[in-house]
């Protein structure tokens, strides 16, 4: 149960990191730009590294072309919203499953 609770906290932390990134992008005025463009303008080497990792090292060039690129063409606010929702749901479920149960004391 402690492992589930730990991973639940990790997912919740990731959700808040993506939320903070989304707020930063929104305050910077780039929320309606495509996510790939925002990523490229923010740190272009990491975008290239991500493509190399997915295409070559994971052996999934079709995944990059069919799934990642259309996702990166979405508005930045939308591309950042989905990981926040996903990590909040996963983190919440893991925290719920991994919570400690109270022992009942006394007679009923």
N, C-alpha and C. Protein backbone atom coordinates (compact mmCIF):
# COMPACT_ATOMS: atom_id res chain seq x y z
N UNK A 1 0.80 -1.19 0.00
CA UNK A 1 0.00 0.00 0.00
C UNK A 1 0.86 1.26 0.00
N UNK A 2 2.01 1.21 0.62
CA UNK A 2 2.88 2.38 0.67
C UNK A 2 3.41 2.72 -0.72
N UNK A 3 3.64 1.71 -1.55
CA UNK A 3 4.14 1.94 -2.90
C UNK A 3 3.08 2.65 -3.74
N UNK A 4 1.83 2.24 -3.61
CA UNK A 4 0.75 2.90 -4.33
C UNK A 4 0.60 4.35 -3.88
N UNK A 5 0.70 4.57 -2.60
CA UNK A 5 0.61 5.92 -2.05
C UNK A 5 1.77 6.79 -2.57
N UNK A 6 2.96 6.22 -2.64
CA UNK A 6 4.13 6.94 -3.14
C UNK A 6 3.93 7.34 -4.60
N UNK A 7 3.51 6.39 -5.44
CA UNK A 7 3.30 6.71 -6.86
C UNK A 7 2.12 7.67 -7.04
N UNK A 8 1.13 7.59 -6.18
CA UNK A 8 0.05 8.56 -6.22
C UNK A 8 0.55 9.98 -5.98
N UNK A 9 1.45 10.12 -5.03
CA UNK A 9 2.03 11.44 -4.76
C UNK A 9 2.90 11.90 -5.93
N UNK A 10 3.62 10.98 -6.55
CA UNK A 10 4.45 11.33 -7.72
C UNK A 10 3.55 11.85 -8.85
N UNK A 11 2.45 11.15 -9.13
CA UNK A 11 1.54 11.59 -10.19
C UNK A 11 0.89 12.93 -9.85
N UNK A 12 0.55 13.14 -8.61
CA UNK A 12 -0.02 14.42 -8.21
C UNK A 12 1.01 15.54 -8.39
N UNK A 13 2.26 15.27 -8.04
CA UNK A 13 3.32 16.28 -8.23
C UNK A 13 3.50 16.59 -9.72
N UNK A 14 3.46 15.55 -10.57
CA UNK A 14 3.57 15.78 -12.01
C UNK A 14 2.40 16.61 -12.53
N UNK A 15 1.22 16.37 -12.00
CA UNK A 15 0.05 17.15 -12.41
C UNK A 15 0.25 18.62 -12.07
N UNK A 16 0.76 18.91 -10.89
CA UNK A 16 0.96 20.30 -10.51
C UNK A 16 2.12 20.94 -11.26
N UNK A 17 3.11 20.15 -11.65
CA UNK A 17 4.20 20.68 -12.49
C UNK A 17 3.66 21.08 -13.86
N UNK A 18 2.85 20.20 -14.47
CA UNK A 18 2.26 20.54 -15.76
C UNK A 18 1.29 21.72 -15.63
N UNK A 19 0.59 21.81 -14.52
CA UNK A 19 -0.30 22.94 -14.30
C UNK A 19 0.50 24.24 -14.20
N UNK A 20 1.61 24.21 -13.49
CA UNK A 20 2.46 25.40 -13.37
C UNK A 20 3.04 25.78 -14.73
N UNK A 21 3.42 24.79 -15.52
CA UNK A 21 3.92 25.06 -16.86
C UNK A 21 2.83 25.69 -17.72
N UNK A 22 1.62 25.19 -17.59
CA UNK A 22 0.50 25.76 -18.33
C UNK A 22 0.22 27.20 -17.95
N UNK A 23 0.29 27.50 -16.66
CA UNK A 23 0.09 28.88 -16.20
C UNK A 23 1.21 29.77 -16.72
N UNK A 24 2.43 29.28 -16.72
CA UNK A 24 3.55 30.04 -17.25
C UNK A 24 3.36 30.34 -18.73
N UNK A 25 2.94 29.35 -19.50
CA UNK A 25 2.71 29.54 -20.94
C UNK A 25 1.57 30.53 -21.14
N UNK A 26 0.53 30.44 -20.34
CA UNK A 26 -0.61 31.34 -20.45
C UNK A 26 -0.20 32.78 -20.13
N UNK A 27 0.55 32.97 -19.04
CA UNK A 27 0.99 34.31 -18.66
C UNK A 27 1.96 34.89 -19.68
N UNK A 28 2.69 34.03 -20.37
CA UNK A 28 3.64 34.47 -21.39
C UNK A 28 2.93 34.84 -22.70
N UNK A 29 1.64 34.51 -22.80
CA UNK A 29 0.87 34.86 -23.98
C UNK A 29 1.00 33.90 -25.14
N UNK A 30 1.48 32.69 -24.86
CA UNK A 30 1.68 31.72 -25.94
C UNK A 30 0.72 30.54 -25.85
N UNK A 31 -0.39 30.71 -25.14
CA UNK A 31 -1.31 29.60 -24.91
C UNK A 31 -2.02 29.15 -26.18
N UNK A 32 -2.21 30.05 -27.15
CA UNK A 32 -2.93 29.68 -28.37
C UNK A 32 -1.99 29.27 -29.50
N UNK A 33 -0.70 29.30 -29.27
CA UNK A 33 0.26 28.82 -30.27
C UNK A 33 0.30 27.30 -30.24
N UNK A 34 0.72 26.65 -31.33
CA UNK A 34 0.86 25.19 -31.29
C UNK A 34 1.89 24.77 -30.24
N UNK A 35 1.63 23.65 -29.60
CA UNK A 35 2.49 23.17 -28.51
C UNK A 35 3.90 22.89 -29.00
N UNK A 36 4.03 22.35 -30.21
CA UNK A 36 5.36 22.09 -30.76
C UNK A 36 6.18 23.35 -30.94
N UNK A 37 5.52 24.42 -31.36
CA UNK A 37 6.22 25.70 -31.53
C UNK A 37 6.66 26.26 -30.18
N UNK A 38 5.78 26.16 -29.18
CA UNK A 38 6.15 26.64 -27.84
C UNK A 38 7.31 25.84 -27.30
N UNK A 39 7.28 24.51 -27.48
CA UNK A 39 8.37 23.65 -27.02
C UNK A 39 9.65 24.02 -27.75
N UNK A 40 9.57 24.23 -29.07
CA UNK A 40 10.75 24.57 -29.86
C UNK A 40 11.34 25.91 -29.41
N UNK A 41 10.48 26.89 -29.16
CA UNK A 41 10.97 28.20 -28.73
C UNK A 41 11.52 28.17 -27.32
N UNK A 42 10.99 27.28 -26.49
CA UNK A 42 11.44 27.21 -25.10
C UNK A 42 12.77 26.47 -24.99
N UNK A 43 12.86 25.29 -25.61
CA UNK A 43 14.08 24.49 -25.53
C UNK A 43 14.12 23.53 -26.71
N UNK A 44 14.65 23.98 -27.83
CA UNK A 44 14.62 23.19 -29.06
C UNK A 44 15.42 21.89 -28.99
N UNK A 45 16.57 21.83 -28.28
CA UNK A 45 17.28 20.54 -28.25
C UNK A 45 16.47 19.41 -27.63
N UNK A 46 15.66 19.71 -26.60
CA UNK A 46 14.89 18.64 -25.97
C UNK A 46 13.81 18.10 -26.90
N UNK A 47 13.27 18.94 -27.77
CA UNK A 47 12.30 18.47 -28.76
C UNK A 47 12.96 17.49 -29.72
N UNK A 48 14.17 17.81 -30.16
CA UNK A 48 14.91 16.89 -31.03
C UNK A 48 15.28 15.60 -30.31
N UNK A 49 15.67 15.71 -29.04
CA UNK A 49 16.00 14.52 -28.26
C UNK A 49 14.78 13.61 -28.10
N UNK A 50 13.62 14.23 -27.85
CA UNK A 50 12.40 13.43 -27.69
C UNK A 50 12.08 12.66 -28.96
N UNK A 51 12.24 13.31 -30.11
CA UNK A 51 11.99 12.62 -31.37
C UNK A 51 12.96 11.46 -31.59
N UNK A 52 14.22 11.68 -31.28
CA UNK A 52 15.23 10.62 -31.44
C UNK A 52 14.94 9.46 -30.50
N UNK A 53 14.60 9.76 -29.26
CA UNK A 53 14.33 8.70 -28.28
C UNK A 53 13.14 7.86 -28.73
N UNK A 54 12.06 8.53 -29.13
CA UNK A 54 10.86 7.79 -29.53
C UNK A 54 11.08 7.04 -30.84
N UNK A 55 11.68 7.69 -31.81
CA UNK A 55 11.82 7.09 -33.14
C UNK A 55 12.87 6.01 -33.20
N UNK A 56 14.03 6.29 -32.67
CA UNK A 56 15.15 5.35 -32.83
C UNK A 56 15.30 4.38 -31.67
N UNK A 57 15.37 4.92 -30.46
CA UNK A 57 15.69 4.08 -29.31
C UNK A 57 14.52 3.22 -28.87
N UNK A 58 13.31 3.74 -28.95
CA UNK A 58 12.14 2.94 -28.62
C UNK A 58 11.62 2.18 -29.84
N UNK A 59 12.14 2.50 -31.00
CA UNK A 59 11.78 1.79 -32.22
C UNK A 59 10.34 2.03 -32.65
N UNK A 60 9.85 3.27 -32.46
CA UNK A 60 8.46 3.55 -32.80
C UNK A 60 8.36 4.83 -33.63
N UNK A 61 8.94 4.82 -34.86
CA UNK A 61 8.83 6.04 -35.67
C UNK A 61 7.39 6.34 -36.07
N UNK A 62 6.56 5.31 -36.21
CA UNK A 62 5.16 5.54 -36.54
C UNK A 62 4.43 6.24 -35.41
N UNK A 63 4.80 5.94 -34.18
CA UNK A 63 4.16 6.60 -33.04
C UNK A 63 4.45 8.10 -33.07
N UNK A 64 5.69 8.46 -33.40
CA UNK A 64 6.04 9.88 -33.46
C UNK A 64 5.24 10.58 -34.55
N UNK A 65 5.16 9.94 -35.72
CA UNK A 65 4.47 10.55 -36.85
C UNK A 65 2.95 10.59 -36.65
N UNK A 66 2.40 9.50 -36.15
CA UNK A 66 0.93 9.38 -36.07
C UNK A 66 0.31 9.94 -34.80
N UNK A 67 1.04 9.92 -33.69
CA UNK A 67 0.46 10.33 -32.41
C UNK A 67 1.09 11.62 -31.86
N UNK A 68 2.41 11.69 -31.82
CA UNK A 68 3.07 12.82 -31.18
C UNK A 68 2.95 14.10 -31.99
N UNK A 69 3.18 14.04 -33.29
CA UNK A 69 3.10 15.26 -34.09
C UNK A 69 1.71 15.89 -34.12
N UNK A 70 0.64 15.11 -34.31
CA UNK A 70 -0.67 15.75 -34.22
C UNK A 70 -0.95 16.36 -32.84
N UNK A 71 -0.43 15.73 -31.80
CA UNK A 71 -0.59 16.27 -30.45
C UNK A 71 0.16 17.60 -30.31
N UNK A 72 1.35 17.67 -30.90
CA UNK A 72 2.15 18.89 -30.82
C UNK A 72 1.59 20.02 -31.69
N UNK A 73 0.68 19.70 -32.59
CA UNK A 73 0.05 20.73 -33.42
C UNK A 73 -1.15 21.36 -32.73
N UNK A 74 -1.58 20.80 -31.62
CA UNK A 74 -2.69 21.38 -30.85
C UNK A 74 -2.22 22.66 -30.16
N UNK A 75 -3.20 23.45 -29.72
CA UNK A 75 -2.86 24.64 -28.93
C UNK A 75 -2.13 24.22 -27.66
N UNK A 76 -1.23 25.06 -27.22
CA UNK A 76 -0.41 24.73 -26.05
C UNK A 76 -1.27 24.51 -24.81
N UNK A 77 -2.32 25.32 -24.62
CA UNK A 77 -3.15 25.16 -23.43
C UNK A 77 -3.81 23.79 -23.41
N UNK A 78 -4.25 23.31 -24.59
CA UNK A 78 -4.92 22.02 -24.66
C UNK A 78 -3.92 20.87 -24.47
N UNK A 79 -2.74 21.02 -25.06
CA UNK A 79 -1.72 19.98 -24.93
C UNK A 79 -1.22 19.86 -23.50
N UNK A 80 -1.26 20.94 -22.73
CA UNK A 80 -0.85 20.88 -21.33
C UNK A 80 -1.99 20.49 -20.40
N UNK A 81 -3.21 20.69 -20.85
CA UNK A 81 -4.36 20.36 -20.01
C UNK A 81 -4.54 18.84 -19.86
N UNK A 82 -4.36 18.10 -20.94
CA UNK A 82 -4.59 16.65 -20.88
C UNK A 82 -3.65 15.92 -19.93
N UNK A 83 -2.34 16.24 -19.89
CA UNK A 83 -1.51 15.57 -18.87
C UNK A 83 -1.92 15.94 -17.45
N UNK A 84 -2.36 17.17 -17.23
CA UNK A 84 -2.82 17.57 -15.89
C UNK A 84 -4.00 16.70 -15.48
N UNK A 85 -4.98 16.57 -16.36
CA UNK A 85 -6.16 15.76 -16.05
C UNK A 85 -5.78 14.30 -15.83
N UNK A 86 -4.95 13.75 -16.71
CA UNK A 86 -4.54 12.35 -16.60
C UNK A 86 -3.79 12.08 -15.30
N UNK A 87 -2.82 12.94 -14.98
CA UNK A 87 -2.03 12.72 -13.76
C UNK A 87 -2.86 12.94 -12.50
N UNK A 88 -3.81 13.89 -12.53
CA UNK A 88 -4.68 14.07 -11.37
C UNK A 88 -5.56 12.85 -11.14
N UNK A 89 -6.11 12.29 -12.21
CA UNK A 89 -6.96 11.10 -12.06
C UNK A 89 -6.14 9.92 -11.57
N UNK A 90 -4.99 9.66 -12.22
CA UNK A 90 -4.16 8.53 -11.80
C UNK A 90 -3.65 8.71 -10.38
N UNK A 91 -3.17 9.90 -10.05
CA UNK A 91 -2.68 10.15 -8.70
C UNK A 91 -3.77 10.01 -7.66
N UNK A 92 -4.95 10.54 -7.96
CA UNK A 92 -6.06 10.42 -7.02
C UNK A 92 -6.48 8.98 -6.79
N UNK A 93 -6.55 8.21 -7.88
CA UNK A 93 -6.92 6.80 -7.74
C UNK A 93 -5.88 6.02 -6.94
N UNK A 94 -4.60 6.26 -7.22
CA UNK A 94 -3.56 5.55 -6.48
C UNK A 94 -3.54 5.96 -5.01
N UNK A 95 -3.78 7.24 -4.73
CA UNK A 95 -3.85 7.66 -3.33
C UNK A 95 -5.06 7.05 -2.63
N UNK A 96 -6.16 6.94 -3.35
CA UNK A 96 -7.36 6.35 -2.78
C UNK A 96 -7.16 4.86 -2.50
N UNK A 97 -6.56 4.16 -3.44
CA UNK A 97 -6.32 2.73 -3.26
C UNK A 97 -5.27 2.48 -2.19
N UNK A 98 -4.24 3.33 -2.15
CA UNK A 98 -3.13 3.11 -1.23
C UNK A 98 -3.29 3.74 0.14
N UNK A 99 -4.47 4.28 0.45
CA UNK A 99 -4.64 4.91 1.75
C UNK A 99 -4.68 3.87 2.86
N UNK A 100 -4.31 4.33 4.02
CA UNK A 100 -4.33 3.44 5.19
C UNK A 100 -5.75 3.38 5.72
N UNK A 101 -6.14 2.21 6.04
CA UNK A 101 -7.48 2.02 6.58
C UNK A 101 -7.42 2.16 8.10
N UNK A 102 -8.40 2.82 8.64
CA UNK A 102 -8.47 2.97 10.09
C UNK A 102 -9.02 1.70 10.70
N UNK A 103 -8.43 1.36 11.79
CA UNK A 103 -8.94 0.21 12.52
C UNK A 103 -10.07 0.67 13.42
N UNK A 104 -11.09 -0.11 13.43
CA UNK A 104 -12.20 0.21 14.31
C UNK A 104 -11.91 -0.31 15.71
N UNK A 105 -12.16 0.53 16.65
CA UNK A 105 -11.93 0.08 18.02
C UNK A 105 -13.26 0.08 18.77
N UNK A 106 -13.33 -0.75 19.72
CA UNK A 106 -14.54 -0.83 20.50
C UNK A 106 -15.47 -1.92 20.01
N UNK A 107 -16.56 -2.07 20.69
CA UNK A 107 -17.52 -3.08 20.34
C UNK A 107 -18.70 -2.44 19.60
N UNK A 108 -19.28 -3.20 18.71
CA UNK A 108 -20.45 -2.71 17.97
C UNK A 108 -21.63 -3.57 18.23
